[in-house]
Amino acid sequence: MIEVICSGFGGQGILVAGMILADAGMEQGNNVSWYPSYGFEMRGGEANCDVKISDGDLPSPYCLEPDIVYTLNEAAVDKYEKRLKPGGLLLVNSTLVPEDRTYRDDIRVIKVPATDIANELSNPRGTNIVMIGALACASELYDEAYMRGAIDHYFAKKGKVNPKNALCFDRGAEEARKQL
């Protein structure tokens, strides 16, 4: 079983990122859970979700000791870094987290300027996709090619197509690859 927590501000696509990860697992025939939590604010409040992916039973949707923590702001790092299991992967949006920040020494940290990359690619709502690219590259959760296609599949089911998502995904993976 793999446990992932996605966290950031409302409006950054955190819940969508978790849904994409869960949907990709479902498409592979795994059992998945997606457990969202967010403040009453539509944008700007805290948003997070717990995602579990397993080929066996899922006794609870809650992630106690996640394997991967995906953060899009400093508050998310503050809240969830301590819950990450030793040897786990912490993905950090370095656009919004100070460069001089220190992290636990028993985890892997991948820093990606996701907001900057999404804006540079004229896809400001693609910050979450940049980070999914980094996640696919830096973890063994999903193969990069599969995950890239899973993003397109997820949005196609909703009648949405955005070719810039592939650019965001590729750049996120590229940034992560530099740190491996």
N, C-alpha and C. Protein backbone atom coordinates (compact mmCIF):
# COMPACT_ATOMS: atom_id res chain seq x y z
N MET A 1 0.84 -1.17 0.00
CA MET A 1 0.00 0.00 0.00
C MET A 1 0.89 1.24 0.00
N ILE A 2 0.49 2.22 -0.82
CA ILE A 2 1.18 3.50 -0.87
C ILE A 2 0.24 4.56 -0.33
N GLU A 3 0.76 5.40 0.56
CA GLU A 3 0.00 6.50 1.12
C GLU A 3 0.60 7.82 0.66
N VAL A 4 -0.26 8.72 0.18
CA VAL A 4 0.18 10.03 -0.31
C VAL A 4 -0.70 11.11 0.32
N ILE A 5 -0.08 12.16 0.80
CA ILE A 5 -0.82 13.35 1.23
C ILE A 5 -0.46 14.47 0.27
N CYS A 6 -1.49 15.13 -0.28
CA CYS A 6 -1.33 16.30 -1.12
C CYS A 6 -1.85 17.49 -0.32
N SER A 7 -1.07 18.58 -0.24
CA SER A 7 -1.51 19.70 0.58
C SER A 7 -1.02 21.03 0.01
N GLY A 8 -1.84 22.05 0.22
CA GLY A 8 -1.51 23.41 -0.20
C GLY A 8 -2.68 24.33 0.10
N PHE A 9 -2.79 25.40 -0.68
CA PHE A 9 -3.89 26.34 -0.56
C PHE A 9 -5.03 25.91 -1.46
N GLY A 10 -6.27 26.23 -1.07
CA GLY A 10 -7.39 26.03 -1.96
C GLY A 10 -7.18 26.84 -3.23
N GLY A 11 -7.50 26.28 -4.36
CA GLY A 11 -7.30 26.95 -5.64
C GLY A 11 -6.03 26.53 -6.36
N GLN A 12 -5.15 25.77 -5.68
CA GLN A 12 -3.91 25.31 -6.31
C GLN A 12 -4.07 23.96 -7.01
N GLY A 13 -5.24 23.39 -6.94
CA GLY A 13 -5.46 22.10 -7.60
C GLY A 13 -5.05 20.90 -6.77
N ILE A 14 -4.96 21.09 -5.47
CA ILE A 14 -4.55 20.00 -4.57
C ILE A 14 -5.51 18.82 -4.64
N LEU A 15 -6.81 19.10 -4.54
CA LEU A 15 -7.78 18.00 -4.54
C LEU A 15 -7.81 17.31 -5.90
N VAL A 16 -7.64 18.08 -6.96
CA VAL A 16 -7.58 17.51 -8.31
C VAL A 16 -6.35 16.61 -8.44
N ALA A 17 -5.22 17.06 -7.91
CA ALA A 17 -4.00 16.24 -7.97
C ALA A 17 -4.24 14.89 -7.30
N GLY A 18 -4.87 14.91 -6.13
CA GLY A 18 -5.18 13.67 -5.44
C GLY A 18 -6.14 12.80 -6.22
N MET A 19 -7.12 13.43 -6.85
CA MET A 19 -8.09 12.67 -7.67
C MET A 19 -7.38 12.03 -8.87
N ILE A 20 -6.45 12.75 -9.47
CA ILE A 20 -5.71 12.19 -10.61
C ILE A 20 -4.91 10.97 -10.16
N LEU A 21 -4.23 11.07 -9.01
CA LEU A 21 -3.45 9.94 -8.49
C LEU A 21 -4.36 8.74 -8.19
N ALA A 22 -5.50 9.02 -7.56
CA ALA A 22 -6.44 7.93 -7.24
C ALA A 22 -7.02 7.32 -8.52
N ASP A 23 -7.39 8.16 -9.47
CA ASP A 23 -7.96 7.68 -10.72
C ASP A 23 -6.95 6.80 -11.47
N ALA A 24 -5.68 7.21 -11.46
CA ALA A 24 -4.64 6.42 -12.13
C ALA A 24 -4.53 5.03 -11.49
N GLY A 25 -4.65 4.98 -10.17
CA GLY A 25 -4.61 3.69 -9.48
C GLY A 25 -5.81 2.83 -9.81
N MET A 26 -6.99 3.46 -9.86
CA MET A 26 -8.21 2.72 -10.21
C MET A 26 -8.11 2.13 -11.61
N GLU A 27 -7.58 2.93 -12.53
CA GLU A 27 -7.46 2.46 -13.91
C GLU A 27 -6.52 1.25 -14.02
N GLN A 28 -5.62 1.11 -13.06
CA GLN A 28 -4.72 -0.05 -13.04
C GLN A 28 -5.32 -1.23 -12.27
N GLY A 29 -6.53 -1.07 -11.78
CA GLY A 29 -7.20 -2.15 -11.08
C GLY A 29 -6.93 -2.21 -9.59
N ASN A 30 -6.32 -1.16 -9.03
CA ASN A 30 -6.03 -1.13 -7.60
C ASN A 30 -7.24 -0.63 -6.82
N ASN A 31 -7.24 -0.91 -5.53
CA ASN A 31 -8.18 -0.29 -4.61
C ASN A 31 -7.60 1.07 -4.24
N VAL A 32 -8.44 2.08 -4.22
CA VAL A 32 -7.96 3.43 -3.90
C VAL A 32 -8.93 4.11 -2.95
N SER A 33 -8.41 5.07 -2.21
CA SER A 33 -9.27 5.97 -1.46
C SER A 33 -8.74 7.38 -1.64
N TRP A 34 -9.66 8.32 -1.63
CA TRP A 34 -9.35 9.74 -1.76
C TRP A 34 -10.16 10.44 -0.69
N TYR A 35 -9.47 11.02 0.28
CA TYR A 35 -10.14 11.60 1.45
C TYR A 35 -9.78 13.08 1.53
N PRO A 36 -10.67 13.97 1.05
CA PRO A 36 -10.36 15.40 1.01
C PRO A 36 -10.66 16.11 2.33
N SER A 37 -9.98 17.22 2.54
CA SER A 37 -10.24 18.09 3.68
C SER A 37 -9.89 19.50 3.23
N TYR A 38 -10.79 20.43 3.51
CA TYR A 38 -10.54 21.81 3.10
C TYR A 38 -11.34 22.75 3.98
N GLY A 39 -10.85 23.99 4.05
CA GLY A 39 -11.53 25.02 4.81
C GLY A 39 -12.76 25.51 4.08
N PHE A 40 -13.52 26.37 4.72
CA PHE A 40 -14.75 26.87 4.11
C PHE A 40 -14.47 27.91 3.02
N GLU A 41 -13.25 28.44 2.96
CA GLU A 41 -12.91 29.40 1.92
C GLU A 41 -12.85 28.68 0.57
N MET A 42 -13.27 29.36 -0.49
CA MET A 42 -13.19 28.73 -1.81
C MET A 42 -11.76 28.71 -2.32
N ARG A 43 -11.03 29.77 -2.07
CA ARG A 43 -9.63 29.84 -2.50
C ARG A 43 -8.82 30.46 -1.37
N GLY A 44 -7.61 29.99 -1.21
CA GLY A 44 -6.72 30.58 -0.23
C GLY A 44 -6.67 29.88 1.11
N GLY A 45 -7.69 29.11 1.48
CA GLY A 45 -7.65 28.35 2.73
C GLY A 45 -6.87 27.06 2.55
N GLU A 46 -6.66 26.36 3.63
CA GLU A 46 -5.93 25.10 3.55
C GLU A 46 -6.75 24.06 2.80
N ALA A 47 -6.09 23.29 1.96
CA ALA A 47 -6.72 22.17 1.27
C ALA A 47 -5.74 21.01 1.28
N ASN A 48 -6.24 19.82 1.53
CA ASN A 48 -5.39 18.64 1.47
C ASN A 48 -6.24 17.42 1.21
N CYS A 49 -5.59 16.36 0.81
CA CYS A 49 -6.29 15.09 0.66
C CYS A 49 -5.32 13.95 0.92
N ASP A 50 -5.88 12.89 1.47
CA ASP A 50 -5.13 11.66 1.69
C ASP A 50 -5.52 10.71 0.56
N VAL A 51 -4.53 10.10 -0.07
CA VAL A 51 -4.76 9.14 -1.15
C VAL A 51 -4.06 7.84 -0.76
N LYS A 52 -4.79 6.75 -0.86
CA LYS A 52 -4.20 5.44 -0.63
C LYS A 52 -4.42 4.59 -1.86
N ILE A 53 -3.39 3.83 -2.23
CA ILE A 53 -3.45 2.98 -3.41
C ILE A 53 -2.89 1.62 -3.01
N SER A 54 -3.68 0.56 -3.25
CA SER A 54 -3.26 -0.76 -2.83
C SER A 54 -3.90 -1.83 -3.71
N ASP A 55 -3.22 -2.96 -3.82
CA ASP A 55 -3.85 -4.09 -4.49
C ASP A 55 -4.63 -4.94 -3.49
N GLY A 56 -4.57 -4.55 -2.21
CA GLY A 56 -5.33 -5.24 -1.16
C GLY A 56 -6.37 -4.32 -0.55
N ASP A 57 -6.87 -4.73 0.60
CA ASP A 57 -7.89 -3.94 1.29
C ASP A 57 -7.31 -2.65 1.84
N LEU A 58 -8.17 -1.65 1.98
CA LEU A 58 -7.82 -0.37 2.58
C LEU A 58 -8.64 -0.22 3.86
N PRO A 59 -8.04 -0.47 5.01
CA PRO A 59 -8.82 -0.45 6.24
C PRO A 59 -9.32 0.94 6.65
N SER A 60 -8.63 1.98 6.21
CA SER A 60 -9.00 3.35 6.57
C SER A 60 -8.54 4.29 5.46
N PRO A 61 -9.27 5.35 5.18
CA PRO A 61 -8.82 6.30 4.15
C PRO A 61 -7.76 7.28 4.66
N TYR A 62 -7.51 7.29 5.95
CA TYR A 62 -6.62 8.26 6.57
C TYR A 62 -5.16 7.81 6.49
N CYS A 63 -4.27 8.69 6.09
CA CYS A 63 -2.84 8.39 6.00
C CYS A 63 -2.15 8.76 7.31
N LEU A 64 -1.73 7.77 8.06
CA LEU A 64 -1.04 8.03 9.32
C LEU A 64 0.44 8.33 9.11
N GLU A 65 1.08 7.54 8.26
CA GLU A 65 2.51 7.67 8.01
C GLU A 65 2.74 7.57 6.50
N PRO A 66 2.52 8.69 5.79
CA PRO A 66 2.57 8.64 4.32
C PRO A 66 3.96 8.32 3.77
N ASP A 67 3.95 7.70 2.60
CA ASP A 67 5.18 7.42 1.86
C ASP A 67 5.63 8.65 1.08
N ILE A 68 4.64 9.44 0.63
CA ILE A 68 4.89 10.62 -0.18
C ILE A 68 4.05 11.77 0.36
N VAL A 69 4.70 12.92 0.52
CA VAL A 69 3.98 14.14 0.86
C VAL A 69 4.26 15.16 -0.24
N TYR A 70 3.20 15.64 -0.83
CA TYR A 70 3.22 16.53 -2.00
C TYR A 70 2.73 17.89 -1.50
N THR A 71 3.62 18.89 -1.43
CA THR A 71 3.27 20.18 -0.84
C THR A 71 3.43 21.32 -1.84
N LEU A 72 2.46 22.21 -1.81
CA LEU A 72 2.53 23.36 -2.71
C LEU A 72 2.75 24.69 -1.99
N ASN A 73 2.90 24.66 -0.66
CA ASN A 73 3.22 25.89 0.07
C ASN A 73 3.94 25.55 1.37
N GLU A 74 4.45 26.57 2.03
CA GLU A 74 5.24 26.35 3.25
C GLU A 74 4.39 25.80 4.40
N ALA A 75 3.16 26.27 4.53
CA ALA A 75 2.29 25.76 5.59
C ALA A 75 2.09 24.25 5.47
N ALA A 76 2.00 23.76 4.25
CA ALA A 76 1.84 22.32 4.03
C ALA A 76 3.08 21.55 4.48
N VAL A 77 4.25 22.10 4.18
CA VAL A 77 5.49 21.46 4.63
C VAL A 77 5.52 21.44 6.15
N ASP A 78 5.19 22.58 6.77
CA ASP A 78 5.18 22.67 8.23
C ASP A 78 4.29 21.61 8.85
N LYS A 79 3.14 21.41 8.28
CA LYS A 79 2.15 20.51 8.85
C LYS A 79 2.45 19.03 8.60
N TYR A 80 2.92 18.67 7.42
CA TYR A 80 2.99 17.26 7.04
C TYR A 80 4.37 16.63 6.99
N GLU A 81 5.44 17.42 6.97
CA GLU A 81 6.77 16.83 6.91
C GLU A 81 7.00 15.87 8.07
N LYS A 82 6.54 16.22 9.25
CA LYS A 82 6.77 15.38 10.44
C LYS A 82 6.04 14.04 10.37
N ARG A 83 4.97 13.95 9.57
CA ARG A 83 4.23 12.69 9.45
C ARG A 83 4.82 11.74 8.42
N LEU A 84 5.66 12.25 7.56
CA LEU A 84 6.26 11.43 6.50
C LEU A 84 7.11 10.32 7.11
N LYS A 85 6.94 9.11 6.61
CA LYS A 85 7.71 7.99 7.15
C LYS A 85 9.19 8.15 6.80
N PRO A 86 10.10 7.65 7.64
CA PRO A 86 11.53 7.71 7.32
C PRO A 86 11.78 7.07 5.96
N GLY A 87 12.60 7.72 5.17
CA GLY A 87 12.89 7.25 3.81
C GLY A 87 11.86 7.70 2.80
N GLY A 88 10.82 8.41 3.26
CA GLY A 88 9.75 8.88 2.38
C GLY A 88 10.19 10.04 1.50
N LEU A 89 9.30 10.42 0.61
CA LEU A 89 9.58 11.47 -0.37
C LEU A 89 8.75 12.71 -0.06
N LEU A 90 9.42 13.84 0.09
CA LEU A 90 8.76 15.13 0.27
C LEU A 90 8.97 15.96 -0.99
N LEU A 91 7.86 16.31 -1.65
CA LEU A 91 7.90 17.15 -2.84
C LEU A 91 7.53 18.56 -2.41
N VAL A 92 8.38 19.53 -2.75
CA VAL A 92 8.22 20.90 -2.28
C VAL A 92 8.14 21.86 -3.46
N ASN A 93 7.12 22.71 -3.47
CA ASN A 93 7.01 23.79 -4.46
C ASN A 93 7.94 24.91 -4.00
N SER A 94 9.16 24.92 -4.53
CA SER A 94 10.18 25.87 -4.05
C SER A 94 9.89 27.31 -4.44
N THR A 95 8.89 27.55 -5.28
CA THR A 95 8.48 28.92 -5.55
C THR A 95 7.94 29.57 -4.29
N LEU A 96 7.24 28.78 -3.46
CA LEU A 96 6.55 29.33 -2.28
C LEU A 96 7.17 28.91 -0.95
N VAL A 97 8.28 28.18 -0.99
CA VAL A 97 8.94 27.74 0.24
C VAL A 97 10.38 28.29 0.20
N PRO A 98 10.79 28.98 1.26
CA PRO A 98 12.14 29.58 1.26
C PRO A 98 13.24 28.56 0.96
N GLU A 99 14.20 28.98 0.17
CA GLU A 99 15.30 28.11 -0.25
C GLU A 99 16.16 27.65 0.92
N ASP A 100 16.28 28.48 1.96
CA ASP A 100 17.16 28.17 3.08
C ASP A 100 16.48 27.29 4.15
N ARG A 101 15.30 26.85 3.90
CA ARG A 101 14.58 26.00 4.85
C ARG A 101 15.34 24.69 5.05
N THR A 102 15.35 24.19 6.26
CA THR A 102 15.98 22.89 6.52
C THR A 102 14.89 21.82 6.63
N TYR A 103 15.26 20.60 6.30
CA TYR A 103 14.33 19.47 6.28
C TYR A 103 14.92 18.34 7.10
N ARG A 104 14.08 17.39 7.45
CA ARG A 104 14.55 16.20 8.15
C ARG A 104 15.63 15.52 7.32
N ASP A 105 16.59 14.90 7.98
CA ASP A 105 17.66 14.24 7.24
C ASP A 105 17.38 12.77 6.94
N ASP A 106 16.21 12.28 7.36
CA ASP A 106 15.88 10.87 7.10
C ASP A 106 14.83 10.72 5.98
N ILE A 107 14.65 11.77 5.19
CA ILE A 107 13.70 11.73 4.06
C ILE A 107 14.38 12.26 2.81
N ARG A 108 13.78 11.96 1.66
CA ARG A 108 14.26 12.53 0.39
C ARG A 108 13.42 13.78 0.09
N VAL A 109 14.07 14.85 -0.30
CA VAL A 109 13.38 16.10 -0.60
C VAL A 109 13.67 16.48 -2.05
N ILE A 110 12.61 16.71 -2.81
CA ILE A 110 12.72 17.18 -4.19
C ILE A 110 12.06 18.55 -4.24
N LYS A 111 12.85 19.56 -4.61
CA LYS A 111 12.34 20.93 -4.69
C LYS A 111 12.14 21.32 -6.15
N VAL A 112 10.93 21.74 -6.46
CA VAL A 112 10.57 22.10 -7.83
C VAL A 112 9.87 23.46 -7.81
N PRO A 113 10.35 24.43 -8.59
CA PRO A 113 9.67 25.73 -8.65
C PRO A 113 8.38 25.64 -9.48
N ALA A 114 7.43 24.89 -8.98
CA ALA A 114 6.25 24.50 -9.75
C ALA A 114 5.40 25.69 -10.19
N THR A 115 5.18 26.65 -9.30
CA THR A 115 4.37 27.82 -9.67
C THR A 115 5.07 28.61 -10.76
N ASP A 116 6.36 28.80 -10.62
CA ASP A 116 7.12 29.54 -11.65
C ASP A 116 7.05 28.83 -13.00
N ILE A 117 7.22 27.51 -12.99
CA ILE A 117 7.19 26.74 -14.23
C ILE A 117 5.82 26.84 -14.90
N ALA A 118 4.76 26.67 -14.11
CA ALA A 118 3.41 26.75 -14.68
C ALA A 118 3.15 28.12 -15.29
N ASN A 119 3.57 29.16 -14.60
CA ASN A 119 3.39 30.52 -15.14
C ASN A 119 4.22 30.73 -16.40
N GLU A 120 5.44 30.23 -16.39
CA GLU A 120 6.33 30.35 -17.55
C GLU A 120 5.73 29.66 -18.78
N LEU A 121 5.01 28.58 -18.55
CA LEU A 121 4.39 27.83 -19.64
C LEU A 121 2.98 28.32 -19.96
N SER A 122 2.62 29.48 -19.42
CA SER A 122 1.30 30.08 -19.64
C SER A 122 0.16 29.14 -19.26
N ASN A 123 0.37 28.41 -18.18
CA ASN A 123 -0.64 27.50 -17.65
C ASN A 123 -0.67 27.65 -16.12
N PRO A 124 -1.10 28.82 -15.62
CA PRO A 124 -1.00 29.08 -14.18
C PRO A 124 -1.77 28.08 -13.32
N ARG A 125 -2.75 27.43 -13.88
CA ARG A 125 -3.50 26.41 -13.12
C ARG A 125 -2.81 25.05 -13.21
N GLY A 126 -1.63 25.00 -13.80
CA GLY A 126 -0.91 23.74 -13.98
C GLY A 126 0.15 23.45 -12.93
N THR A 127 0.21 24.25 -11.86
CA THR A 127 1.20 24.00 -10.80
C THR A 127 1.09 22.57 -10.28
N ASN A 128 -0.14 22.11 -10.07
CA ASN A 128 -0.33 20.75 -9.57
C ASN A 128 0.19 19.70 -10.55
N ILE A 129 0.06 19.97 -11.83
CA ILE A 129 0.52 19.01 -12.85
C ILE A 129 2.05 18.98 -12.90
N VAL A 130 2.69 20.13 -12.71
CA VAL A 130 4.16 20.17 -12.63
C VAL A 130 4.62 19.25 -11.51
N MET A 131 3.96 19.34 -10.36
CA MET A 131 4.35 18.53 -9.22
C MET A 131 4.03 17.05 -9.41
N ILE A 132 2.98 16.73 -10.15
CA ILE A 132 2.71 15.32 -10.45
C ILE A 132 3.82 14.76 -11.34
N GLY A 133 4.33 15.58 -12.25
CA GLY A 133 5.47 15.16 -13.06
C GLY A 133 6.69 14.84 -12.20
N ALA A 134 6.94 15.71 -11.21
CA ALA A 134 8.05 15.48 -10.29
C ALA A 134 7.82 14.21 -9.47
N LEU A 135 6.60 14.01 -9.03
CA LEU A 135 6.25 12.81 -8.25
C LEU A 135 6.48 11.55 -9.09
N ALA A 136 6.03 11.57 -10.33
CA ALA A 136 6.18 10.40 -11.20
C ALA A 136 7.65 10.07 -11.43
N CYS A 137 8.47 11.10 -11.57
CA CYS A 137 9.89 10.89 -11.81
C CYS A 137 10.62 10.41 -10.56
N ALA A 138 10.30 11.00 -9.41
CA ALA A 138 11.07 10.75 -8.19
C ALA A 138 10.59 9.56 -7.36
N SER A 139 9.42 9.02 -7.69
CA SER A 139 8.89 7.90 -6.92
C SER A 139 8.65 6.71 -7.83
N GLU A 140 8.31 5.60 -7.23
CA GLU A 140 7.97 4.41 -8.00
C GLU A 140 6.47 4.17 -8.00
N LEU A 141 5.68 5.19 -7.63
CA LEU A 141 4.24 5.05 -7.57
C LEU A 141 3.67 4.68 -8.93
N TYR A 142 4.03 5.45 -9.96
CA TYR A 142 3.58 5.18 -11.33
C TYR A 142 4.74 5.45 -12.28
N ASP A 143 4.77 4.73 -13.36
CA ASP A 143 5.70 4.98 -14.45
C ASP A 143 5.38 6.36 -15.04
N GLU A 144 6.42 7.10 -15.43
CA GLU A 144 6.22 8.45 -15.96
C GLU A 144 5.28 8.46 -17.17
N ALA A 145 5.51 7.58 -18.11
CA ALA A 145 4.68 7.57 -19.32
C ALA A 145 3.23 7.26 -18.97
N TYR A 146 3.02 6.31 -18.06
CA TYR A 146 1.66 5.98 -17.65
C TYR A 146 1.00 7.18 -16.99
N MET A 147 1.72 7.85 -16.09
CA MET A 147 1.13 8.97 -15.36
C MET A 147 0.80 10.13 -16.30
N ARG A 148 1.67 10.37 -17.25
CA ARG A 148 1.42 11.45 -18.22
C ARG A 148 0.12 11.17 -18.98
N GLY A 149 -0.07 9.93 -19.39
CA GLY A 149 -1.30 9.55 -20.08
C GLY A 149 -2.50 9.56 -19.15
N ALA A 150 -2.29 9.21 -17.88
CA ALA A 150 -3.38 9.18 -16.91
C ALA A 150 -3.95 10.58 -16.67
N ILE A 151 -3.10 11.59 -16.73
CA ILE A 151 -3.57 12.97 -16.57
C ILE A 151 -4.50 13.33 -17.73
N ASP A 152 -4.05 13.04 -18.95
CA ASP A 152 -4.89 13.32 -20.12
C ASP A 152 -6.21 12.54 -20.03
N HIS A 153 -6.14 11.29 -19.62
CA HIS A 153 -7.33 10.44 -19.49
C HIS A 153 -8.30 11.02 -18.46
N TYR A 154 -7.78 11.47 -17.33
CA TYR A 154 -8.62 12.04 -16.26
C TYR A 154 -9.39 13.25 -16.79
N PHE A 155 -8.69 14.16 -17.45
CA PHE A 155 -9.35 15.38 -17.94
C PHE A 155 -10.26 15.09 -19.13
N ALA A 156 -9.89 14.13 -19.98
CA ALA A 156 -10.73 13.78 -21.13
C ALA A 156 -12.09 13.26 -20.66
N LYS A 157 -12.11 12.50 -19.55
CA LYS A 157 -13.37 12.01 -19.01
C LYS A 157 -14.28 13.16 -18.57
N LYS A 158 -13.68 14.30 -18.30
CA LYS A 158 -14.45 15.48 -17.89
C LYS A 158 -14.71 16.42 -19.06
N GLY A 159 -14.30 15.99 -20.26
CA GLY A 159 -14.51 16.81 -21.45
C GLY A 159 -13.54 17.96 -21.56
N LYS A 160 -12.39 17.87 -20.90
CA LYS A 160 -11.40 18.95 -20.91
C LYS A 160 -10.12 18.46 -21.56
N VAL A 161 -9.54 19.30 -22.38
CA VAL A 161 -8.26 18.98 -23.01
C VAL A 161 -7.38 20.22 -22.89
N ASN A 162 -6.19 20.04 -22.36
CA ASN A 162 -5.24 21.15 -22.24
C ASN A 162 -3.85 20.63 -22.59
N PRO A 163 -3.39 20.88 -23.81
CA PRO A 163 -2.08 20.39 -24.22
C PRO A 163 -0.93 20.92 -23.35
N LYS A 164 -1.16 22.03 -22.66
CA LYS A 164 -0.11 22.59 -21.81
C LYS A 164 0.13 21.73 -20.58
N ASN A 165 -0.83 20.88 -20.23
CA ASN A 165 -0.61 19.98 -19.09
C ASN A 165 0.58 19.06 -19.34
N ALA A 166 0.71 18.58 -20.55
CA ALA A 166 1.84 17.69 -20.88
C ALA A 166 3.17 18.44 -20.73
N LEU A 167 3.18 19.71 -21.13
CA LEU A 167 4.40 20.52 -20.96
C LEU A 167 4.73 20.69 -19.48
N CYS A 168 3.71 20.97 -18.68
CA CYS A 168 3.92 21.12 -17.24
C CYS A 168 4.43 19.83 -16.62
N PHE A 169 3.81 18.71 -16.96
CA PHE A 169 4.23 17.41 -16.45
C PHE A 169 5.69 17.14 -16.79
N ASP A 170 6.06 17.35 -18.06
CA ASP A 170 7.42 17.07 -18.51
C ASP A 170 8.45 17.93 -17.78
N ARG A 171 8.13 19.20 -17.58
CA ARG A 171 9.06 20.10 -16.88
C ARG A 171 9.20 19.71 -15.41
N GLY A 172 8.12 19.29 -14.79
CA GLY A 172 8.21 18.84 -13.40
C GLY A 172 9.10 17.61 -13.28
N ALA A 173 8.92 16.66 -14.20
CA ALA A 173 9.76 15.46 -14.20
C ALA A 173 11.22 15.82 -14.45
N GLU A 174 11.45 16.75 -15.36
CA GLU A 174 12.81 17.19 -15.69
C GLU A 174 13.49 17.81 -14.46
N GLU A 175 12.76 18.66 -13.73
CA GLU A 175 13.32 19.29 -12.53
C GLU A 175 13.64 18.25 -11.47
N ALA A 176 12.78 17.28 -11.28
CA ALA A 176 13.04 16.22 -10.30
C ALA A 176 14.25 15.39 -10.71
N ARG A 177 14.35 15.08 -11.99
CA ARG A 177 15.45 14.24 -12.50
C ARG A 177 16.80 14.87 -12.18
N LYS A 178 16.90 16.20 -12.20
CA LYS A 178 18.15 16.89 -11.89
C LYS A 178 18.61 16.64 -10.46
N GLN A 179 17.68 16.26 -9.59
CA GLN A 179 18.00 16.10 -8.16
C GLN A 179 18.15 14.65 -7.74
N LEU A 180 18.00 13.74 -8.67
CA LEU A 180 18.10 12.31 -8.31
C LEU A 180 19.53 11.81 -8.43
